[in-house]
Protein backbone atom coordinates (compact mmCIF):
# COMPACT_ATOMS: atom_id res chain seq x y z
CA UNK A 1 -71.17 -20.70 28.86
CA UNK A 2 -69.84 -21.40 25.36
CA UNK A 3 -71.70 -20.86 22.11
CA UNK A 4 -73.01 -24.45 22.10
CA UNK A 5 -74.96 -23.82 25.30
CA UNK A 6 -78.41 -22.29 24.97
CA UNK A 7 -80.91 -21.00 27.45
CA UNK A 8 -83.69 -22.38 25.26
CA UNK A 9 -83.58 -24.41 22.08
CA UNK A 10 -85.33 -22.29 19.44
CA UNK A 11 -86.12 -25.42 17.35
CA UNK A 12 -88.39 -26.88 20.05
CA UNK A 13 -92.02 -26.11 20.78
CA UNK A 14 -91.89 -23.77 23.75
CA UNK A 15 -95.61 -23.05 24.06
CA UNK A 16 -95.41 -24.42 27.60
CA UNK A 17 -92.00 -22.89 28.31
CA UNK A 18 -93.21 -21.24 31.51
CA UNK A 19 -95.37 -24.10 32.75
CA UNK A 20 -93.28 -24.56 35.90
CA UNK A 21 -93.58 -20.86 36.70
CA UNK A 22 -97.29 -20.84 35.92
CA UNK A 23 -97.94 -23.42 38.64
CA UNK A 24 -97.32 -20.69 41.19
CA UNK A 25 -100.10 -18.68 39.58
CA UNK A 26 -102.74 -21.39 39.37
CA UNK A 27 -103.53 -21.81 43.06
CA UNK A 28 -103.17 -20.07 46.38
CA UNK A 29 -100.65 -21.13 49.01
CA UNK A 30 -99.91 -20.55 52.71
CA UNK A 31 -97.91 -17.39 51.97
CA UNK A 32 -100.15 -16.01 49.23
CA UNK A 33 -100.88 -12.30 49.34
CA UNK A 34 -104.55 -11.50 50.13
CA UNK A 35 -104.86 -9.67 46.81
CA UNK A 36 -103.77 -12.66 44.73
CA UNK A 37 -106.27 -14.00 42.19
CA UNK A 38 -105.00 -17.26 40.67
CA UNK A 39 -105.87 -18.28 37.13
CA UNK A 40 -105.49 -17.26 33.52
CA UNK A 41 -105.83 -13.53 34.15
CA UNK A 42 -102.68 -13.23 36.27
CA UNK A 43 -100.73 -15.48 33.87
CA UNK A 44 -101.84 -13.33 30.95
CA UNK A 45 -100.80 -10.17 32.77
CA UNK A 46 -97.34 -11.57 33.52
CA UNK A 47 -96.67 -12.85 30.01
CA UNK A 48 -98.46 -10.31 27.84
CA UNK A 49 -99.11 -7.03 29.68
CA UNK A 50 -96.35 -6.54 32.23
CA UNK A 51 -93.62 -4.27 30.89
CA UNK A 52 -90.25 -4.28 32.71
CA UNK A 53 -87.37 -1.81 32.44
CA UNK A 54 -83.87 -2.93 33.41
CA UNK A 55 -81.41 -0.07 33.93
CA UNK A 56 -77.86 -1.31 33.43
CA UNK A 57 -76.61 -4.23 31.34
CA UNK A 58 -73.42 -5.01 33.27
CA UNK A 59 -72.76 -7.76 35.79
CA UNK A 60 -76.14 -7.40 37.49
CA UNK A 61 -78.01 -6.45 34.33
CA UNK A 62 -76.95 -9.57 32.39
CA UNK A 63 -78.16 -11.80 35.22
CA UNK A 64 -81.39 -9.83 35.53
CA UNK A 65 -82.22 -10.00 31.83
CA UNK A 66 -81.65 -13.75 31.79
CA UNK A 67 -83.72 -14.31 34.95
CA UNK A 68 -86.63 -12.15 33.82
CA UNK A 69 -86.78 -13.79 30.40
CA UNK A 70 -86.80 -17.27 31.94
CA UNK A 71 -89.48 -16.27 34.48
CA UNK A 72 -92.06 -15.33 31.87
CA UNK A 73 -91.63 -11.57 31.44
CA UNK A 74 -91.92 -11.18 27.68
CA UNK A 75 -91.75 -7.39 27.24
CA UNK A 76 -88.42 -6.21 28.61
CA UNK A 77 -86.58 -2.95 27.95
CA UNK A 78 -82.95 -2.25 28.86
CA UNK A 79 -80.91 0.97 29.08
CA UNK A 80 -77.13 1.20 29.29
CA UNK A 81 -74.72 3.92 28.19
CA UNK A 82 -71.57 1.75 28.18
CA UNK A 83 -69.81 -0.34 25.56
CA UNK A 84 -68.32 -3.79 26.08
CA UNK A 85 -64.71 -4.09 27.20
CA UNK A 86 -62.60 -7.24 27.26
CA UNK A 87 -62.54 -7.04 31.07
CA UNK A 88 -66.34 -7.51 31.13
CA UNK A 89 -66.29 -10.97 29.56
CA UNK A 90 -65.38 -12.91 32.71
CA UNK A 91 -68.70 -12.12 34.43
CA UNK A 92 -71.08 -10.47 31.94
CA UNK A 93 -71.95 -13.73 30.26
CA UNK A 94 -74.28 -12.39 27.56
CA UNK A 95 -71.25 -10.99 25.73
CA UNK A 96 -68.60 -12.63 23.51
CA UNK A 97 -65.18 -11.45 22.26
CA UNK A 98 -66.72 -10.33 18.98
CA UNK A 99 -69.01 -7.98 20.96
CA UNK A 100 -66.12 -5.85 22.27
CA UNK A 101 -66.76 -2.12 21.66
CA UNK A 102 -70.46 -2.76 20.96
CA UNK A 103 -73.28 -1.30 23.03
CA UNK A 104 -74.00 -3.42 26.12
CA UNK A 105 -77.73 -2.77 25.88
CA UNK A 106 -77.96 -3.74 22.21
CA UNK A 107 -75.72 -6.82 22.51
CA UNK A 108 -77.59 -8.07 25.59
CA UNK A 109 -80.97 -7.53 23.93
CA UNK A 110 -79.89 -9.43 20.82
CA UNK A 111 -78.55 -12.32 22.90
CA UNK A 112 -81.72 -12.75 24.99
CA UNK A 113 -84.04 -12.34 22.00
CA UNK A 114 -82.11 -15.03 20.12
CA UNK A 115 -81.86 -17.51 22.98
CA UNK A 116 -85.36 -17.13 24.45
CA UNK A 117 -87.84 -17.02 21.56
CA UNK A 118 -91.06 -15.28 22.46
CA UNK A 119 -89.33 -12.68 24.62
CA UNK A 120 -88.85 -9.20 23.18
CA UNK A 121 -86.01 -7.11 24.62
CA UNK A 122 -85.92 -3.48 23.49
CA UNK A 123 -82.53 -1.77 24.03
CA UNK A 124 -81.55 1.84 24.40
CA UNK A 125 -77.89 2.82 24.10
CA UNK A 126 -77.62 6.02 26.11
CA UNK A 127 -78.21 7.72 29.44
CA UNK A 128 -81.32 7.36 31.56
CA UNK A 129 -81.48 11.16 31.62
CA UNK A 130 -82.10 11.11 27.85
CA UNK A 131 -85.63 9.82 28.46
CA UNK A 132 -88.52 11.94 29.70
CA UNK A 133 -91.10 11.18 32.35
CA UNK A 134 -93.57 9.87 29.76
CA UNK A 135 -91.08 7.17 28.81
CA UNK A 136 -90.84 5.87 32.37
CA UNK A 137 -94.59 6.03 32.89
CA UNK A 138 -95.13 3.16 30.42
CA UNK A 139 -93.46 0.53 32.63
CA UNK A 140 -95.01 -1.69 35.27
CA UNK A 141 -91.79 -2.18 37.26
CA UNK A 142 -88.30 -0.69 37.00
CA UNK A 143 -85.21 -2.59 38.14
CA UNK A 144 -81.80 -0.98 38.64
CA UNK A 145 -78.51 -2.81 38.21
CA UNK A 146 -76.39 0.33 38.40
CA UNK A 147 -72.92 1.15 39.71
CA UNK A 148 -73.59 4.89 40.01
CA UNK A 149 -75.04 6.67 43.04
CA UNK A 150 -75.92 9.71 40.91
CA UNK A 151 -77.91 7.60 38.43
CA UNK A 152 -79.80 5.88 41.26
CA UNK A 153 -80.66 9.23 42.81
CA UNK A 154 -81.90 10.52 39.46
CA UNK A 155 -84.23 7.61 38.68
CA UNK A 156 -85.45 7.54 42.30
CA UNK A 157 -86.43 11.22 42.18
CA UNK A 158 -87.94 10.85 38.71
CA UNK A 159 -90.27 8.08 39.89
CA UNK A 160 -91.22 10.04 43.02
CA UNK A 161 -92.12 13.04 40.84
CA UNK A 162 -94.10 10.75 38.54
CA UNK A 163 -96.47 9.73 41.34
CA UNK A 164 -99.94 11.29 41.33
CA UNK A 165 -102.00 10.60 44.48
CA UNK A 166 -105.14 10.56 42.33
CA UNK A 167 -103.75 7.97 39.90
CA UNK A 168 -102.59 4.62 41.37
CA UNK A 169 -101.18 3.62 37.98
CA UNK A 170 -98.61 6.41 38.25
CA UNK A 171 -96.80 4.58 41.08
CA UNK A 172 -93.94 2.59 39.55
CA UNK A 173 -92.21 0.16 41.95
CA UNK A 174 -88.43 0.51 41.85
CA UNK A 175 -86.28 -2.52 42.65
CA UNK A 176 -82.64 -1.62 43.27
CA UNK A 177 -79.75 -4.06 43.40
CA UNK A 178 -76.11 -3.42 44.16
CA UNK A 179 -72.96 -5.40 44.92
CA UNK A 180 -69.59 -4.70 46.51
CA UNK A 181 -67.30 -7.69 46.24
CA UNK A 182 -68.86 -10.48 48.29
CA UNK A 183 -71.55 -8.19 49.70
CA UNK A 184 -74.78 -7.06 48.10
CA UNK A 185 -78.20 -5.60 48.68
CA UNK A 186 -81.61 -5.64 47.05
CA UNK A 187 -84.46 -3.37 47.97
CA UNK A 188 -88.02 -2.57 47.00
CA UNK A 189 -88.96 1.10 46.81
CA UNK A 190 -92.56 2.18 46.43
CA UNK A 191 -92.18 5.88 45.59
CA UNK A 192 -93.86 8.22 48.14
CA UNK A 193 -94.90 5.21 50.27
CA UNK A 194 -91.73 3.48 51.48
CA UNK A 195 -88.23 4.72 52.20
CA UNK A 196 -86.71 5.97 48.95
CA UNK A 197 -83.09 5.82 47.83
CA UNK A 198 -82.45 9.37 49.05
CA UNK A 199 -83.69 8.42 52.53
CA UNK A 200 -80.79 5.98 52.92
CA UNK A 201 -77.86 7.98 51.53
CA UNK A 202 -76.16 8.01 54.92
CA UNK A 203 -75.92 4.20 54.74
CA UNK A 204 -73.55 4.30 51.76
CA UNK A 205 -70.08 2.85 52.26
CA UNK A 206 -67.55 5.63 52.69
CA UNK A 207 -64.58 5.59 50.26
CA UNK A 208 -61.45 4.00 51.68
CA UNK A 209 -58.74 6.53 52.56
CA UNK A 210 -55.23 5.99 53.91
CA UNK A 211 -53.46 8.32 56.38
CA UNK A 212 -50.69 10.24 54.63
CA UNK A 213 -48.25 9.59 57.48
CA UNK A 214 -48.73 5.85 57.01
CA UNK A 215 -48.35 5.72 53.24
CA UNK A 216 -45.32 8.07 53.39
CA UNK A 217 -43.41 6.57 56.31
CA UNK A 218 -44.57 3.07 57.21
CA UNK A 219 -46.40 1.39 54.31
CA UNK A 220 -47.61 -2.08 55.27
CA UNK A 221 -49.91 -3.22 52.46
CA UNK A 222 -49.73 -2.94 48.65
CA UNK A 223 -52.49 -0.33 48.64
CA UNK A 224 -50.25 2.02 50.64
CA UNK A 225 -47.57 1.82 47.94
CA UNK A 226 -50.04 2.45 45.15
CA UNK A 227 -51.60 5.40 46.95
CA UNK A 228 -48.13 6.87 47.58
CA UNK A 229 -47.20 6.56 43.90
CA UNK A 230 -50.49 8.16 42.86
CA UNK A 231 -50.78 10.94 45.44
CA UNK A 232 -47.13 11.82 46.12
CA UNK A 233 -44.85 10.64 43.31
CA UNK A 234 -47.08 11.33 40.30
CA UNK A 235 -47.50 15.07 41.08
CA UNK A 236 -43.73 15.34 41.54
CA UNK A 237 -43.00 13.73 38.18
CA UNK A 238 -45.82 15.51 36.36
CA UNK A 239 -46.45 18.78 38.24
CA UNK A 240 -48.94 20.21 35.77
CA UNK A 241 -50.95 17.07 35.17
CA UNK A 242 -53.69 15.19 37.01
CA UNK A 243 -53.85 11.42 36.94
CA UNK A 244 -56.07 10.25 34.10
CA UNK A 245 -57.65 7.11 35.54
CA UNK A 246 -58.57 5.93 32.04
CA UNK A 247 -55.02 6.33 30.70
CA UNK A 248 -53.02 3.11 30.35
CA UNK A 249 -49.80 5.15 30.39
CA UNK A 250 -50.65 6.89 33.67
CA UNK A 251 -51.75 3.69 35.38
CA UNK A 252 -48.67 1.83 34.14
CA UNK A 253 -46.39 4.56 35.53
CA UNK A 254 -48.15 4.41 38.90
CA UNK A 255 -47.99 0.60 38.92
CA UNK A 256 -44.26 0.51 38.18
CA UNK A 257 -43.52 3.23 40.77
CA UNK A 258 -45.63 1.45 43.39
CA UNK A 259 -43.87 -1.85 42.61
CA UNK A 260 -40.45 -0.28 43.23
CA UNK A 261 -41.64 1.13 46.56
CA UNK A 262 -43.16 -2.21 47.55
CA UNK A 263 -39.84 -3.95 46.87
CA UNK A 264 -38.07 -1.43 49.12
CA UNK A 265 -40.36 -2.34 52.03
CA UNK A 266 -40.62 -6.08 51.18
CA UNK A 267 -44.34 -5.81 50.45
CA UNK A 268 -45.92 -8.28 48.04
CA UNK A 269 -49.13 -8.04 46.08
CA UNK A 270 -48.78 -4.93 43.91
CA UNK A 271 -50.35 -5.77 40.55
CA UNK A 272 -51.61 -3.72 37.64
CA UNK A 273 -55.17 -4.85 38.36
CA UNK A 274 -54.91 -3.79 42.02
CA UNK A 275 -53.43 -0.47 40.89
CA UNK A 276 -56.50 0.10 38.72
CA UNK A 277 -58.76 -0.72 41.64
CA UNK A 278 -57.04 1.65 44.08
CA UNK A 279 -56.63 4.58 41.69
CA UNK A 280 -60.14 4.28 40.24
CA UNK A 281 -61.71 3.26 43.57
CA UNK A 282 -62.99 0.05 42.02
CA UNK A 283 -64.46 -2.66 44.22
CA UNK A 284 -64.01 -6.08 42.57
CA UNK A 285 -67.15 -7.48 40.98
CA UNK A 286 -67.86 -11.09 41.96
CA UNK A 287 -70.01 -13.09 39.56
CA UNK A 288 -71.59 -15.20 42.30
CA UNK A 289 -72.63 -12.09 44.23
CA UNK A 290 -74.18 -10.63 41.09
CA UNK A 291 -76.14 -13.87 40.62
CA UNK A 292 -77.49 -13.84 44.19
CA UNK A 293 -78.59 -10.19 44.08
CA UNK A 294 -80.04 -10.43 40.56
CA UNK A 295 -82.06 -13.47 41.62
CA UNK A 296 -83.40 -11.56 44.63
CA UNK A 297 -84.38 -8.60 42.43
CA UNK A 298 -86.05 -10.77 39.80
CA UNK A 299 -87.91 -12.66 42.53
CA UNK A 300 -89.29 -9.39 43.92
CA UNK A 301 -90.36 -8.31 40.43
CA UNK A 302 -92.28 -11.58 40.00
CA UNK A 303 -94.00 -11.16 43.38
CA UNK A 304 -94.97 -7.55 42.69
CA UNK A 305 -96.25 -8.32 39.19
CA UNK A 306 -98.39 -11.30 40.23
CA UNK A 307 -99.24 -10.78 43.94
CA UNK A 308 -98.57 -14.50 44.38
CA UNK A 309 -96.85 -13.75 47.69
CA UNK A 310 -95.82 -10.74 49.75
CA UNK A 311 -92.92 -8.74 48.39
CA UNK A 312 -89.94 -7.51 50.39
CA UNK A 313 -90.46 -4.81 53.02
CA UNK A 314 -88.08 -3.31 52.08
CA UNK A 315 -84.36 -4.15 52.39
CA UNK A 316 -82.39 -7.37 51.81
CA UNK A 317 -78.67 -7.66 52.55
CA UNK A 318 -76.29 -10.45 51.53
CA UNK A 319 -72.90 -10.85 53.20
CA UNK A 320 -70.80 -13.59 51.65
CA UNK A 321 -67.27 -12.76 52.75
CA UNK A 322 -67.52 -14.63 56.05
CA UNK A 323 -69.86 -17.44 55.04
CA UNK A 324 -73.34 -17.02 53.63
CA UNK A 325 -75.35 -14.59 55.70
CA UNK A 326 -78.48 -12.67 54.76
CA UNK A 327 -80.96 -10.54 56.62
CA UNK A 328 -83.87 -8.25 55.86
CA UNK A 329 -85.11 -5.12 57.57
CA UNK A 330 -87.38 -2.18 56.99
CA UNK A 331 -85.57 1.09 56.37
CA UNK A 332 -87.91 3.79 57.63
CA UNK A 333 -89.06 6.60 55.42
CA UNK A 334 -87.68 9.99 56.47
CA UNK A 335 -90.24 12.75 56.85
CA UNK A 336 -87.57 15.32 56.01
CA UNK A 337 -86.18 13.50 52.98
CA UNK A 338 -85.48 16.13 50.29
CA UNK A 339 -86.97 13.85 47.61
CA UNK A 340 -89.93 11.95 49.06
CA UNK A 341 -90.54 13.95 52.26
CA UNK A 342 -92.12 16.89 50.42
CA UNK A 343 -91.26 19.08 53.40
CA UNK A 344 -89.24 22.24 53.69
CA UNK A 345 -85.97 21.67 55.52
CA UNK A 346 -85.16 24.11 58.30
CA UNK A 347 -81.62 24.94 59.33
CA UNK A 348 -80.98 26.58 62.68
CA UNK A 349 -77.89 28.70 62.06
CA UNK A 350 -76.05 31.71 63.35
CA UNK A 351 -76.99 34.72 61.17
CA UNK A 352 -73.32 35.74 61.16
CA UNK A 353 -72.44 32.54 59.30
CA UNK A 354 -70.89 33.29 55.93
CA UNK A 355 -72.54 31.87 52.85
CA UNK A 356 -69.38 29.95 51.88
CA UNK A 357 -69.39 28.24 55.30
CA UNK A 358 -73.04 27.31 54.99
CA UNK A 359 -72.40 25.82 51.54
CA UNK A 360 -69.56 23.75 53.01
CA UNK A 361 -71.94 22.68 55.77
CA UNK A 362 -74.36 21.40 53.13
CA UNK A 363 -71.58 19.55 51.32
CA UNK A 364 -70.42 17.88 54.54
CA UNK A 365 -73.85 16.48 55.44
CA UNK A 366 -74.01 12.74 54.55
CA UNK A 367 -77.81 12.71 54.56
CA UNK A 368 -77.95 15.36 51.83
CA UNK A 369 -74.86 14.36 49.84
CA UNK A 370 -74.36 17.22 47.40
CA UNK A 371 -71.16 18.40 45.73
CA UNK A 372 -71.62 21.74 43.97
CA UNK A 373 -74.75 23.44 45.31
CA UNK A 374 -76.21 26.60 43.82
CA UNK A 375 -78.54 28.74 45.97
CA UNK A 376 -81.26 31.19 45.04
CA UNK A 377 -83.94 33.07 46.98
CA UNK A 378 -87.12 34.77 45.72
CA UNK A 379 -85.35 38.13 45.80
CA UNK A 380 -81.87 37.32 44.48
CA UNK A 381 -79.42 34.75 43.23
CA UNK A 382 -77.15 33.89 46.14
CA UNK A 383 -74.52 31.78 44.42
CA UNK A 384 -74.39 29.82 41.15
CA UNK A 385 -71.75 27.22 40.35
CA UNK A 386 -72.28 27.62 36.60
CA UNK A 387 -72.11 29.10 34.00
CA UNK A 388 -68.74 30.73 34.57
CA UNK A 389 -69.90 34.33 34.13
CA UNK A 390 -72.74 33.82 36.64
CA UNK A 391 -70.36 32.13 39.09
CA UNK A 392 -68.03 35.12 38.88
CA UNK A 393 -70.91 37.56 39.34
CA UNK A 394 -72.19 35.82 42.50
CA UNK A 395 -68.79 34.93 43.96
CA UNK A 396 -68.64 38.06 46.21
CA UNK A 397 -71.72 36.76 48.06
CA UNK A 398 -69.65 33.87 49.44
CA UNK A 399 -68.00 36.27 51.89
CA UNK A 400 -71.29 37.80 53.03
CA UNK A 401 -73.26 36.59 56.05
CA UNK A 402 -76.62 34.90 55.78
CA UNK A 403 -78.42 37.84 57.43
CA UNK A 404 -77.00 40.12 54.73
CA UNK A 405 -78.37 37.91 51.97
CA UNK A 406 -81.70 36.47 53.10
CA UNK A 407 -84.56 37.22 55.45
CA UNK A 408 -85.44 34.68 58.08
CA UNK A 409 -88.85 34.06 56.48
CA UNK A 410 -87.48 33.59 52.95
CA UNK A 411 -87.29 30.16 51.35
CA UNK A 412 -83.98 29.30 49.70
CA UNK A 413 -83.84 26.84 46.80
CA UNK A 414 -80.77 24.61 46.47
CA UNK A 415 -79.89 22.84 43.23
CA UNK A 416 -76.98 20.51 42.59
CA UNK A 417 -75.81 18.28 39.70
CA UNK A 418 -76.09 15.23 41.97
CA UNK A 419 -79.51 16.24 43.34
CA UNK A 420 -82.18 15.53 40.71
CA UNK A 421 -84.75 17.82 42.33
CA UNK A 422 -84.79 21.20 44.01
CA UNK A 423 -84.26 21.28 47.78
CA UNK A 424 -86.26 23.91 49.67
CA UNK A 425 -84.78 25.22 52.90
CA UNK A 426 -85.49 27.93 55.43
CA UNK A 427 -83.33 29.48 58.14
CA UNK A 428 -84.00 29.89 61.81
CA UNK A 429 -81.51 32.46 63.06
CA UNK A 430 -80.00 32.00 66.51
CA UNK A 431 -77.12 33.83 68.18
CA UNK A 432 -76.23 30.85 70.35
CA UNK A 433 -72.43 30.55 70.15
CA UNK A 434 -72.61 26.82 70.85
CA UNK A 435 -75.13 26.30 68.11
CA UNK A 436 -74.88 22.96 66.35
CA UNK A 437 -76.48 22.86 62.96
CA UNK A 438 -79.41 20.50 62.76
CA UNK A 439 -82.21 19.76 60.36
CA UNK A 440 -85.68 19.65 61.83
CA UNK A 441 -89.10 19.09 60.36
CA UNK A 442 -90.78 22.14 58.96
C-alpha cells in the first residue's frame, strides 16, 4: 500500500462509516447469542465505551489495529517495546522507510489515527511489565499479537490475578493470536473460567535441533551446514566468545563458513537470511498468515464486545502449508494449572533425591516450563538463583537431599523469571525405587 492509498478519506463525511458493521447490531439472526440486545445501546457501547488493548505492533499487531479501527472500535491502546527495522517493512504495512528506528507503537498509532478519523489510538513504547494491574483493569478486551512465550505467560497470569469472583467487571477476556510460517492459531481465554495460556504450555512447538553426528559427518540440507558453522567452527575460531545473534559480523562469519561447507558437500540454499533464521531460531513471518489470524482475533473481539453471536470456545487453528485447513476445538482447563488452577501441586518423590536433581526435574517438565527456579520454604531459603551472594550462600543446599531440607507437610514456594506467579508445591515422600515423578491434584 503506497502513500496514495488510504483506509478512509479524511475529507469525506464519515458519520456513517460503520453503517455496514452496525447492520449486524440492529437485529437478531439465527446464530445470535441469547444475551444479545440489538439497537442503539449495543452500537453505542461498541463505538464509544468499549476500550481495547492490543499488545504488540508487529506483523499481527498492524493487521489487528487496522481491523479493529475499521470495525468500529474507537478507543484503542497499543503497547510495543520494539523499534522499526527495515526488515519489518515487507509485512508490517503501517510503517514506511522514514519510520525506521521509531517506536512501533507510536508510529502505528499515528498512522491509524491519521487514516481513520474518529478513532483514537493511544500508544505506549515499552514493556507490558511496566504497567500495573490498575492499568489493565481499564480495558474491556485485551488482544495479544506477541512473539514471546514469556510475555504471553505474564499477561495471562496478570489477568487471572485481576479476577475477583465478586466483581464480574474484573474479568478481562484475553484473545491470543500467533503465527509460525503458514500456520497460526487464535484463541479466546476467559481468565479463571476457560483454559488459560499456562494450561496449554505442553502444546508449544519444540525448537528444531539437529543431531551432531549428522551435521558433523553427513550434512544433507543447508541448515546442517549453518548449524555446524555456528556450533562447531565458531567456538574453534573464537574460543572465548559466544555467538552474538544480533551482530552482523558474527552472522556474516557463520554464513561464509556455512557456505564453504555447503560447497564441499554440493548443498545449495545457504543464504544470509537463512543463516539468521537458523542461528536466531526465527520462523519466517508470512503476511497472509498474519492477516488470517488477525482477522480471526478481531472477529472474536467484535463478538465478545457485542454478543451478536457466540464467540470461540476456545481454540482456532489455521494450517496453510498444505492447502487451506482450519479447525476449532476446546482445550480443557487443567485443575492443577499453576496459574489458573489455584491448587497446590504435589510431587511424589524419593526423600533421598537431591535438591539439584529435583530442580532439574522441574526444568524438564514441559507442563511447567521454567528455566531458573528459586525455592523457599516457611523455615528456610532452599536455593536462590539471584542475587549472586544469595546464590552462593544457598548453593551447598543443592547437594542435600529433600528430607534434609524440608518436612513432608511443608509447602515449598517456587519462583522463576519465566513464571509470573508463585508456584506452591508439596512433597509426598516414597521410598519406591521405581518411583516415577508425577503431579497429582492436591
